[in-house]
C-alpha atoms as a PDB file:
ATOM      1  CA  MET A   1     -40.978  98.696  85.925  1.00  0.00           C
ATOM      2  CA  VAL A   2     -37.340 101.010  86.982  1.00  0.00           C
ATOM      3  CA  THR A   3     -37.484 105.335  87.715  1.00  0.00           C
ATOM      4  CA  PRO A   4     -34.705 106.457  85.645  1.00  0.00           C
ATOM      5  CA  ILE A   5     -32.171 108.924  87.745  1.00  0.00           C
ATOM      6  CA  PRO A   6     -33.696 112.919  86.682  1.00  0.00           C
ATOM      7  CA  THR A   7     -31.134 114.155  83.387  1.00  0.00           C
ATOM      8  CA  ASN A   8     -30.574 116.816  85.787  1.00  0.00           C
ATOM      9  CA  ASP A   9     -28.895 115.180  89.236  1.00  0.00           C
ATOM     10  CA  TRP A  10     -25.546 114.066  88.693  1.00  0.00           C
ATOM     11  CA  VAL A  11     -23.658 111.432  89.926  1.00  0.00           C
ATOM     12  CA  THR A  12     -20.542 109.977  90.586  1.00  0.00           C
ATOM     13  CA  ASP A  13     -21.172 106.224  89.660  1.00  0.00           C
ATOM     14  CA  GLU A  14     -22.532 104.017  87.444  1.00  0.00           C
ATOM     15  CA  ALA A  15     -26.031 102.745  88.279  1.00  0.00           C
ATOM     16  CA  TYR A  16     -27.450  98.947  88.565  1.00  0.00           C
ATOM     17  CA  TYR A  17     -31.078  97.492  88.313  1.00  0.00           C
ATOM     18  CA  ILE A  18     -32.130  93.720  88.300  1.00  0.00           C
ATOM     19  CA  ALA A  19     -35.562  93.694  87.097  1.00  0.00           C
ATOM     20  CA  GLY A  20     -37.613  90.243  87.873  1.00  0.00           C
ATOM     21  CA  GLN A  21     -40.463  88.740  89.897  1.00  0.00           C
ATOM     22  CA  LEU A  22     -42.291  89.232  93.251  1.00  0.00           C
ATOM     23  CA  PRO A  23     -41.722  86.372  95.420  1.00  0.00           C
ATOM     24  CA  PRO A  24     -45.472  84.553  96.108  1.00  0.00           C
ATOM     25  CA  PRO A  25     -47.138  85.833  98.931  1.00  0.00           C
ATOM     26  CA  PRO A  26     -47.774  83.599 101.990  1.00  0.00           C
ATOM     27  CA  PRO A  27     -50.939  80.978 102.239  1.00  0.00           C
ATOM     28  CA  SER A  28     -53.773  82.098 103.950  1.00  0.00           C
ATOM     29  CA  THR A  29     -55.594  78.762 104.700  1.00  0.00           C
ATOM     30  CA  GLY A  30     -54.473  75.534 105.707  1.00  0.00           C
ATOM     31  CA  THR A  31     -55.958  71.472 105.577  1.00  0.00           C
ATOM     32  CA  LEU A  32     -57.688  68.977 107.107  1.00  0.00           C
ATOM     33  CA  SER A  33     -57.772  65.304 106.566  1.00  0.00           C
ATOM     34  CA  LEU A  34     -60.448  63.914 108.758  1.00  0.00           C
ATOM     35  CA  ASN A  35     -61.277  59.982 108.633  1.00  0.00           C
ATOM     36  CA  SER A  36     -63.126  57.887 110.994  1.00  0.00           C
ATOM     37  CA  SER A  37     -62.821  54.259 112.378  1.00  0.00           C
ATOM     38  CA  PRO A  38     -65.407  53.280 110.126  1.00  0.00           C
ATOM     39  CA  SER A  39     -65.959  55.456 108.109  1.00  0.00           C
ATOM     40  CA  GLY A  40     -69.165  57.233 106.614  1.00  0.00           C
ATOM     41  CA  ALA A  41     -69.793  59.630 109.389  1.00  0.00           C
ATOM     42  CA  GLN A  42     -71.087  62.890 109.111  1.00  0.00           C
ATOM     43  CA  ALA A  43     -68.700  65.587 109.914  1.00  0.00           C
ATOM     44  CA  LEU A  44     -69.629  68.388 111.648  1.00  0.00           C
ATOM     45  CA  ILE A  45     -67.236  71.645 111.958  1.00  0.00           C
ATOM     46  CA  ASN A  46     -69.352  74.917 113.891  1.00  0.00           C
ATOM     47  CA  GLY A  47     -72.826  72.496 113.322  1.00  0.00           C
ATOM     48  CA  ARG A  48     -72.730  72.901 109.222  1.00  0.00           C
ATOM     49  CA  LEU A  49     -72.585  70.351 107.942  1.00  0.00           C
ATOM     50  CA  VAL A  50     -69.797  69.563 105.635  1.00  0.00           C
ATOM     51  CA  GLY A  51     -70.016  65.569 104.757  1.00  0.00           C
ATOM     52  CA  ASN A  52     -68.754  62.512 105.350  1.00  0.00           C
ATOM     53  CA  THR A  53     -65.890  60.410 107.123  1.00  0.00           C
ATOM     54  CA  PRO A  54     -62.552  60.782 104.653  1.00  0.00           C
ATOM     55  CA  LEU A  55     -63.043  64.299 104.381  1.00  0.00           C
ATOM     56  CA  THR A  56     -60.246  66.415 103.371  1.00  0.00           C
ATOM     57  CA  LEU A  57     -61.006  70.223 103.310  1.00  0.00           C
ATOM     58  CA  GLU A  58     -59.115  73.952 103.475  1.00  0.00           C
ATOM     59  CA  LEU A  59     -60.135  75.766 106.205  1.00  0.00           C
ATOM     60  CA  LEU A  60     -59.113  79.560 107.269  1.00  0.00           C
ATOM     61  CA  PRO A  61     -56.764  78.896 109.863  1.00  0.00           C
ATOM     62  CA  GLY A  62     -58.134  79.032 113.659  1.00  0.00           C
ATOM     63  CA  THR A  63     -60.223  76.499 116.238  1.00  0.00           C
ATOM     64  CA  TYR A  64     -63.094  74.946 115.345  1.00  0.00           C
ATOM     65  CA  ASN A  65     -65.745  72.024 116.844  1.00  0.00           C
ATOM     66  CA  LEU A  66     -65.710  69.617 114.932  1.00  0.00           C
ATOM     67  CA  GLU A  67     -69.082  66.144 115.912  1.00  0.00           C
ATOM     68  CA  LEU A  68     -69.164  63.319 114.878  1.00  0.00           C
ATOM     69  CA  ARG A  69     -71.947  61.334 113.567  1.00  0.00           C
ATOM     70  CA  ARG A  70     -73.297  57.721 112.902  1.00  0.00           C
ATOM     71  CA  SER A  71     -76.324  55.372 112.404  1.00  0.00           C
ATOM     72  CA  GLY A  72     -74.982  52.271 115.674  1.00  0.00           C
ATOM     73  CA  TYR A  73     -72.185  54.978 117.683  1.00  0.00           C
ATOM     74  CA  ASN A  74     -72.253  57.226 119.414  1.00  0.00           C
ATOM     75  CA  PRO A  75     -72.073  61.155 118.756  1.00  0.00           C
ATOM     76  CA  LEU A  76     -68.226  62.149 118.982  1.00  0.00           C
ATOM     77  CA  ARG A  77     -67.035  65.853 119.559  1.00  0.00           C
ATOM     78  CA  THR A  78     -63.945  67.371 120.008  1.00  0.00           C
ATOM     79  CA  ALA A  79     -61.675  70.711 119.042  1.00  0.00           C
ATOM     80  CA  PHE A  80     -59.035  71.473 115.939  1.00  0.00           C
ATOM     81  CA  THR A  81     -56.835  73.884 114.711  1.00  0.00           C
ATOM     82  CA  ILE A  82     -55.963  74.626 111.206  1.00  0.00           C
ATOM     83  CA  GLN A  83     -52.796  77.034 110.497  1.00  0.00           C
ATOM     84  CA  ALA A  84     -51.965  78.543 107.712  1.00  0.00           C
ATOM     85  CA  GLY A  85     -49.541  76.121 105.233  1.00  0.00           C
ATOM     86  CA  GLN A  86     -49.943  73.141 107.164  1.00  0.00           C
ATOM     87  CA  VAL A  87     -52.013  70.053 107.381  1.00  0.00           C
ATOM     88  CA  THR A  88     -53.926  68.865 111.010  1.00  0.00           C
ATOM     89  CA  ARG A  89     -54.837  65.071 110.410  1.00  0.00           C
ATOM     90  CA  LEU A  90     -57.454  64.139 112.894  1.00  0.00           C
ATOM     91  CA  ASN A  91     -58.176  59.824 112.683  1.00  0.00           C
ATOM     92  CA  LEU A  92     -60.484  59.560 115.201  1.00  0.00           C
ATOM     93  CA  THR A  93     -62.409  56.085 115.803  1.00  0.00           C
ATOM     94  CA  LEU A  94     -66.224  56.354 117.062  1.00  0.00           C
ATOM     95  CA  VAL A  95     -67.775  54.016 120.409  1.00  0.00           C
ATOM     96  CA  ALA A  96     -71.001  52.419 119.389  1.00  0.00           C
ATOM     97  CA  THR A  97     -73.620  52.301 121.117  1.00  0.00           C
ATOM     98  CA  PRO A  98     -74.887  49.580 123.590  1.00  0.00           C
ATOM     99  CA  PRO A  99     -78.379  48.133 122.324  1.00  0.00           C
ATOM    100  CA  PRO A 100     -81.134  48.370 124.803  1.00  0.00           C
ATOM    101  CA  THR A 101     -81.752  46.391 127.374  1.00  0.00           C
ATOM    102  CA  GLY A 102     -84.756  45.216 129.225  1.00  0.00           C
ATOM    103  CA  VAL A 103     -84.790  43.884 133.462  1.00  0.00           C
ATOM    104  CA  LEU A 104     -86.306  40.437 134.270  1.00  0.00           C
ATOM    105  CA  ALA A 105     -86.662  40.182 138.045  1.00  0.00           C
ATOM    106  CA  VAL A 106     -87.367  36.651 139.194  1.00  0.00           C
ATOM    107  CA  ASP A 107     -89.230  35.539 142.585  1.00  0.00           C
ATOM    108  CA  SER A 108     -89.981  32.173 144.205  1.00  0.00           C
ATOM    109  CA  ASN A 109     -91.912  30.464 146.704  1.00  0.00           C
ATOM    110  CA  PRO A 110     -89.820  29.562 148.678  1.00  0.00           C
ATOM    111  CA  ARG A 111     -87.592  31.531 148.071  1.00  0.00           C
ATOM    112  CA  GLY A 112     -83.894  30.704 147.014  1.00  0.00           C
ATOM    113  CA  ALA A 113     -84.274  28.762 144.001  1.00  0.00           C
ATOM    114  CA  GLN A 114     -81.735  28.186 141.264  1.00  0.00           C
ATOM    115  CA  VAL A 115     -82.278  30.339 138.261  1.00  0.00           C
ATOM    116  CA  LEU A 116     -81.311  28.514 135.142  1.00  0.00           C
ATOM    117  CA  VAL A 117     -81.745  31.371 132.146  1.00  0.00           C
ATOM    118  CA  ASP A 118     -81.385  29.220 128.088  1.00  0.00           C
ATOM    119  CA  GLY A 119     -79.705  26.632 131.357  1.00  0.00           C
ATOM    120  CA  ARG A 120     -76.769  28.619 132.315  1.00  0.00           C
ATOM    121  CA  VAL A 121     -77.146  28.970 136.277  1.00  0.00           C
ATOM    122  CA  VAL A 122     -77.324  32.711 136.512  1.00  0.00           C
ATOM    123  CA  GLY A 123     -77.794  33.079 140.699  1.00  0.00           C
ATOM    124  CA  ASN A 124     -80.753  32.611 143.221  1.00  0.00           C
ATOM    125  CA  THR A 125     -84.163  33.453 143.435  1.00  0.00           C
ATOM    126  CA  PRO A 126     -85.402  36.689 144.349  1.00  0.00           C
ATOM    127  CA  LEU A 127     -82.732  38.098 140.858  1.00  0.00           C
ATOM    128  CA  ASN A 128     -82.838  40.760 139.239  1.00  0.00           C
ATOM    129  CA  LEU A 129     -81.408  40.409 135.258  1.00  0.00           C
ATOM    130  CA  THR A 130     -80.408  42.895 132.813  1.00  0.00           C
ATOM    131  CA  LEU A 131     -80.409  40.928 129.536  1.00  0.00           C
ATOM    132  CA  ASN A 132     -81.040  42.391 125.566  1.00  0.00           C
ATOM    133  CA  PRO A 133     -84.548  41.744 124.243  1.00  0.00           C
ATOM    134  CA  GLY A 134     -85.898  38.223 122.512  1.00  0.00           C
ATOM    135  CA  SER A 135     -87.098  34.729 124.435  1.00  0.00           C
ATOM    136  CA  TYR A 136     -85.790  32.912 127.075  1.00  0.00           C
ATOM    137  CA  THR A 137     -85.876  29.561 128.510  1.00  0.00           C
ATOM    138  CA  VAL A 138     -85.533  30.275 132.209  1.00  0.00           C
ATOM    139  CA  GLU A 139     -85.762  27.821 134.737  1.00  0.00           C
ATOM    140  CA  LEU A 140     -86.491  26.988 138.126  1.00  0.00           C
ATOM    141  CA  ARG A 141     -84.574  24.495 140.956  1.00  0.00           C
ATOM    142  CA  ARG A 142     -84.779  23.427 144.388  1.00  0.00           C
ATOM    143  CA  GLY A 143     -84.576  20.480 146.074  1.00  0.00           C
ATOM    144  CA  GLY A 144     -87.606  18.690 146.825  1.00  0.00           C
ATOM    145  CA  PHE A 145     -90.187  20.892 144.264  1.00  0.00           C
ATOM    146  CA  SER A 146     -90.607  19.970 141.154  1.00  0.00           C
ATOM    147  CA  PRO A 147     -88.576  21.489 138.325  1.00  0.00           C
ATOM    148  CA  PHE A 148     -89.975  24.802 136.690  1.00  0.00           C
ATOM    149  CA  ARG A 149     -89.446  26.002 133.547  1.00  0.00           C
ATOM    150  CA  THR A 150     -90.972  28.726 131.297  1.00  0.00           C
ATOM    151  CA  LEU A 151     -90.278  31.125 128.061  1.00  0.00           C
ATOM    152  CA  VAL A 152     -90.186  34.856 129.092  1.00  0.00           C
ATOM    153  CA  THR A 153     -90.178  37.555 126.390  1.00  0.00           C
ATOM    154  CA  ILE A 154     -88.030  40.686 127.154  1.00  0.00           C
ATOM    155  CA  GLN A 155     -88.245  44.070 125.851  1.00  0.00           C
ATOM    156  CA  ALA A 156     -85.909  47.331 125.934  1.00  0.00           C
ATOM    157  CA  GLY A 157     -86.541  49.314 128.703  1.00  0.00           C
ATOM    158  CA  ARG A 158     -89.014  47.045 130.977  1.00  0.00           C
ATOM    159  CA  THR A 159     -89.196  44.607 133.971  1.00  0.00           C
ATOM    160  CA  THR A 160     -90.690  41.735 133.115  1.00  0.00           C
ATOM    161  CA  ARG A 161     -92.008  39.789 136.308  1.00  0.00           C
ATOM    162  CA  LEU A 162     -91.919  36.680 136.818  1.00  0.00           C
ATOM    163  CA  THR A 163     -93.202  34.651 140.229  1.00  0.00           C
ATOM    164  CA  VAL A 164     -93.650  30.802 140.499  1.00  0.00           C
ATOM    165  CA  ASN A 165     -95.307  28.985 143.666  1.00  0.00           C
ATOM    166  CA  LEU A 166     -93.312  26.170 143.132  1.00  0.00           C
ATOM    167  CA  VAL A 167     -94.580  22.588 143.377  1.00  0.00           C
ATOM    168  CA  SER A 168     -93.939  20.229 146.757  1.00  0.00           C
ATOM    169  CA  ILE A 169     -92.326  16.987 145.873  1.00  0.00           C
ATOM    170  CA  ALA A 170     -94.544  14.217 148.760  1.00  0.00           C
ATOM    171  CA  PRO A 171     -93.266  11.232 149.310  1.00  0.00           C
ATOM    172  CA  PRO A 172     -93.806   7.912 148.246  1.00  0.00           C
ATOM    173  CA  PRO A 173     -96.066   6.351 150.419  1.00  0.00           C
ATOM    174  CA  PRO A 174     -95.061   3.406 152.047  1.00  0.00           C
ATOM    175  CA  PRO A 175     -95.779  -0.043 151.367  1.00  0.00           C
ATOM    176  CA  VAL A 176     -98.413  -1.037 153.199  1.00  0.00           C
ATOM    177  CA  GLN A 177     -97.495  -4.289 154.262  1.00  0.00           C
ATOM    178  CA  PRO A 178    -100.632  -7.147 153.957  1.00  0.00           C
ATOM    179  CA  VAL A 179    -101.421  -9.158 156.717  1.00  0.00           C
ATOM    180  CA  GLN A 180     -99.341 -12.959 157.277  1.00  0.00           C
ATOM    181  CA  PRO A 181    -102.121 -15.762 157.566  1.00  0.00           C
ATOM    182  CA  VAL A 182    -101.071 -17.785 160.489  1.00  0.00           C
ATOM    183  CA  GLN A 183    -102.096 -21.638 159.532  1.00  0.00           C
ATOM    184  CA  PRO A 184    -103.051 -23.012 163.112  1.00  0.00           C
ATOM    185  CA  VAL A 185    -100.632 -24.680 164.349  1.00  0.00           C
ATOM    186  CA  GLN A 186    -101.398 -25.478 167.935  1.00  0.00           C
ATOM    187  CA  PRO A 187    -104.218 -23.293 168.569  1.00  0.00           C
ATOM    188  CA  VAL A 188    -103.230 -20.663 171.533  1.00  0.00           C
ATOM    189  CA  ARG A 189    -106.139 -20.440 174.139  1.00  0.00           C
ATOM    190  CA  PRO A 190    -107.093 -16.192 174.764  1.00  0.00           C
ATOM    191  CA  PRO A 191    -106.013 -14.876 178.174  1.00  0.00           C
ATOM    192  CA  SER A 192    -108.608 -13.577 181.262  1.00  0.00           C
ATOM    193  CA  GLY A 193    -108.336 -10.175 182.115  1.00  0.00           C
ATOM    194  CA  SER A 194    -105.893  -6.841 181.960  1.00  0.00           C
ATOM    195  CA  PHE A 195    -102.757  -6.660 179.873  1.00  0.00           C
ATOM    196  CA  THR A 196     -99.823  -4.920 180.122  1.00  0.00           C
ATOM    197  CA  TYR A 197     -97.730  -4.737 176.793  1.00  0.00           C
ATOM    198  CA  THR A 198     -94.173  -3.581 176.986  1.00  0.00           C
ATOM    199  CA  CYS A 199     -93.312  -3.264 172.686  1.00  0.00           C
ATOM    200  CA  GLN A 200     -91.100  -1.188 169.360  1.00  0.00           C
ATOM    201  CA  GLY A 201     -92.581   2.163 169.381  1.00  0.00           C
ATOM    202  CA  GLY A 202     -94.474   1.509 172.666  1.00  0.00           C
ATOM    203  CA  THR A 203     -96.510   0.233 175.390  1.00  0.00           C
ATOM    204  CA  LEU A 204     -99.982  -1.291 175.308  1.00  0.00           C
ATOM    205  CA  VAL A 205    -102.487  -2.700 177.729  1.00  0.00           C
ATOM    206  CA  VAL A 206    -104.868  -4.902 176.446  1.00  0.00           C
ATOM    207  CA  ASN A 207    -108.349  -5.946 178.686  1.00  0.00           C
ATOM    208  CA  TYR A 208    -109.786  -9.722 177.382  1.00  0.00           C
ATOM    209  CA  ILE A 209    -113.317  -8.682 177.947  1.00  0.00           C
ATOM    210  CA  SER A 210    -113.736 -12.498 176.549  1.00  0.00           C
ATOM    211  CA  SER A 211    -112.113 -15.085 174.746  1.00  0.00           C
ATOM    212  CA  ASN A 212    -113.916 -13.135 171.195  1.00  0.00           C
ATOM    213  CA  GLN A 213    -113.321  -9.419 172.418  1.00  0.00           C
ATOM    214  CA  VAL A 214    -110.728  -6.542 173.727  1.00  0.00           C
ATOM    215  CA  ARG A 215    -110.432  -3.645 174.893  1.00  0.00           C
ATOM    216  CA  LEU A 216    -106.910  -1.188 173.402  1.00  0.00           C
ATOM    217  CA  PHE A 217    -106.417   2.405 174.637  1.00  0.00           C
ATOM    218  CA  TYR A 218    -105.064   3.510 170.773  1.00  0.00           C
ATOM    219  CA  ASP A 219    -105.404   7.219 169.522  1.00  0.00           C
ATOM    220  CA  GLY A 220    -106.374   9.338 172.293  1.00  0.00           C
ATOM    221  CA  ALA A 221    -109.875   6.561 172.311  1.00  0.00           C
ATOM    222  CA  PHE A 222    -110.547   2.692 173.530  1.00  0.00           C
ATOM    223  CA  GLN A 223    -111.214   1.279 170.489  1.00  0.00           C
ATOM    224  CA  THR A 224    -113.408  -2.299 171.294  1.00  0.00           C
ATOM    225  CA  LEU A 225    -111.289  -5.042 168.752  1.00  0.00           C
ATOM    226  CA  PRO A 226    -113.523  -8.395 167.689  1.00  0.00           C
ATOM    227  CA  LEU A 227    -111.377 -12.071 167.340  1.00  0.00           C
ATOM    228  CA  VAL A 228    -111.537 -12.549 163.317  1.00  0.00           C
ATOM    229  CA  ARG A 229    -109.454 -15.305 163.911  1.00  0.00           C
ATOM    230  CA  SER A 230    -107.788 -17.627 165.967  1.00  0.00           C
ATOM    231  CA  GLY A 231    -105.027 -20.873 166.162  1.00  0.00           C
ATOM    232  CA  ALA A 232    -101.238 -19.849 166.307  1.00  0.00           C
ATOM    233  CA  GLU A 233    -102.185 -16.682 166.531  1.00  0.00           C
ATOM    234  CA  LEU A 234    -104.819 -14.748 168.356  1.00  0.00           C
ATOM    235  CA  VAL A 235    -106.023 -11.884 165.263  1.00  0.00           C
ATOM    236  CA  TYR A 236    -108.564  -9.626 167.131  1.00  0.00           C
ATOM    237  CA  SER A 237    -109.099  -6.724 163.984  1.00  0.00           C
ATOM    238  CA  ASN A 238    -112.529  -3.980 163.141  1.00  0.00           C
ATOM    239  CA  ASN A 239    -110.808  -3.346 160.062  1.00  0.00           C
ATOM    240  CA  THR A 240    -108.615  -0.344 160.605  1.00  0.00           C
ATOM    241  CA  TYR A 241    -106.498  -2.131 164.278  1.00  0.00           C
ATOM    242  CA  THR A 242    -105.438  -5.427 164.441  1.00  0.00           C
ATOM    243  CA  TRP A 243    -104.465  -6.571 167.817  1.00  0.00           C
ATOM    244  CA  GLU A 244    -102.088  -9.822 166.737  1.00  0.00           C
ATOM    245  CA  ILE A 245    -100.454 -12.009 169.650  1.00  0.00           C
ATOM    246  CA  GLY A 246     -98.997 -15.520 169.842  1.00  0.00           C
ATOM    247  CA  GLN A 247     -95.432 -15.893 171.134  1.00  0.00           C
ATOM    248  CA  VAL A 248     -95.345 -11.801 171.174  1.00  0.00           C
ATOM    249  CA  GLY A 249     -98.174  -9.663 169.618  1.00  0.00           C
ATOM    250  CA  ARG A 250     -97.786  -7.008 167.289  1.00  0.00           C
ATOM    251  CA  LEU A 251    -100.729  -3.527 166.695  1.00  0.00           C
ATOM    252  CA  ILE A 252    -101.744  -2.388 163.129  1.00  0.00           C
ATOM    253  CA  VAL A 253    -103.842   0.090 162.807  1.00  0.00           C
ATOM    254  CA  ARG A 254    -103.881   1.814 158.800  1.00  0.00           C
ATOM    255  CA  GLY A 255    -102.213  -1.145 157.609  1.00  0.00           C
ATOM    256  CA  GLN A 256     -99.585  -0.252 159.417  1.00  0.00           C
ATOM    257  CA  VAL A 257     -97.286  -2.304 162.437  1.00  0.00           C
ATOM    258  CA  VAL A 258     -96.620   1.446 164.553  1.00  0.00           C
ATOM    259  CA  LEU A 259     -95.757  -1.341 168.201  1.00  0.00           C
ATOM    260  CA  SER A 260     -94.092  -4.935 167.444  1.00  0.00           C
ATOM    261  CA  ASN A 261     -92.705  -7.057 169.494  1.00  0.00           C
ATOM    262  CA  CYS A 262     -94.449  -7.028 172.223  1.00  0.00           C
ATOM    263  CA  ARG A 263     -94.697  -8.827 175.275  1.00  0.00           C
ATOM    264  CA  ILE A 264     -95.873  -9.189 178.720  1.00  0.00           C
END
């Protein structure tokens, strides 16, 4: 609109007026461009749910608090500022929530046994392991003991205890050396009296009571042995103790040679 000059005013020059449009007003909002990796996260601005990523919003200028939520990931919180007429871009990466775990406590008697979980060596007893929930094959190994193997189930937030009494491996008994029969070649006459023999393994005192009986001291007591065979060797025995004497002597206890190469 143009207001004319009053008619009673005097002018000494001409007045010119240019008519046109007014300039546009300055913008009153800014833009938020929000993306997350992975996408599909809930977006809350100042505690109010505004949608899921990716998301574009028009907001008044100012500072805002943003929270992103997605199942399987830790919540992400941050602040951002909106300026009028400008685009604020946020590209945020969510961190996966670690799976819940349980504890396996393994001990053994004796301790120091090697522990294998699903065939992998993880240490020696006593041992505490943090494992994901599930079933595992646990094996214990120690020299001189039988291996132990079992299946355990781990539950989230719980401690599973496994205590094993290892079984010792007994060494095999030595072979029993049978008394070999001796064919008489030249009969040996039984001696008479008491004799001290020096043997491989110690000494032995033998008292020849008669031609058919001897008495010797062994295992902390006197043992009386009758003559059971004569020939190239004399054999005295009561089935537990056997004294054989020829050119040299030997003492057999319960089938085992305890003294050998006995000489006077």
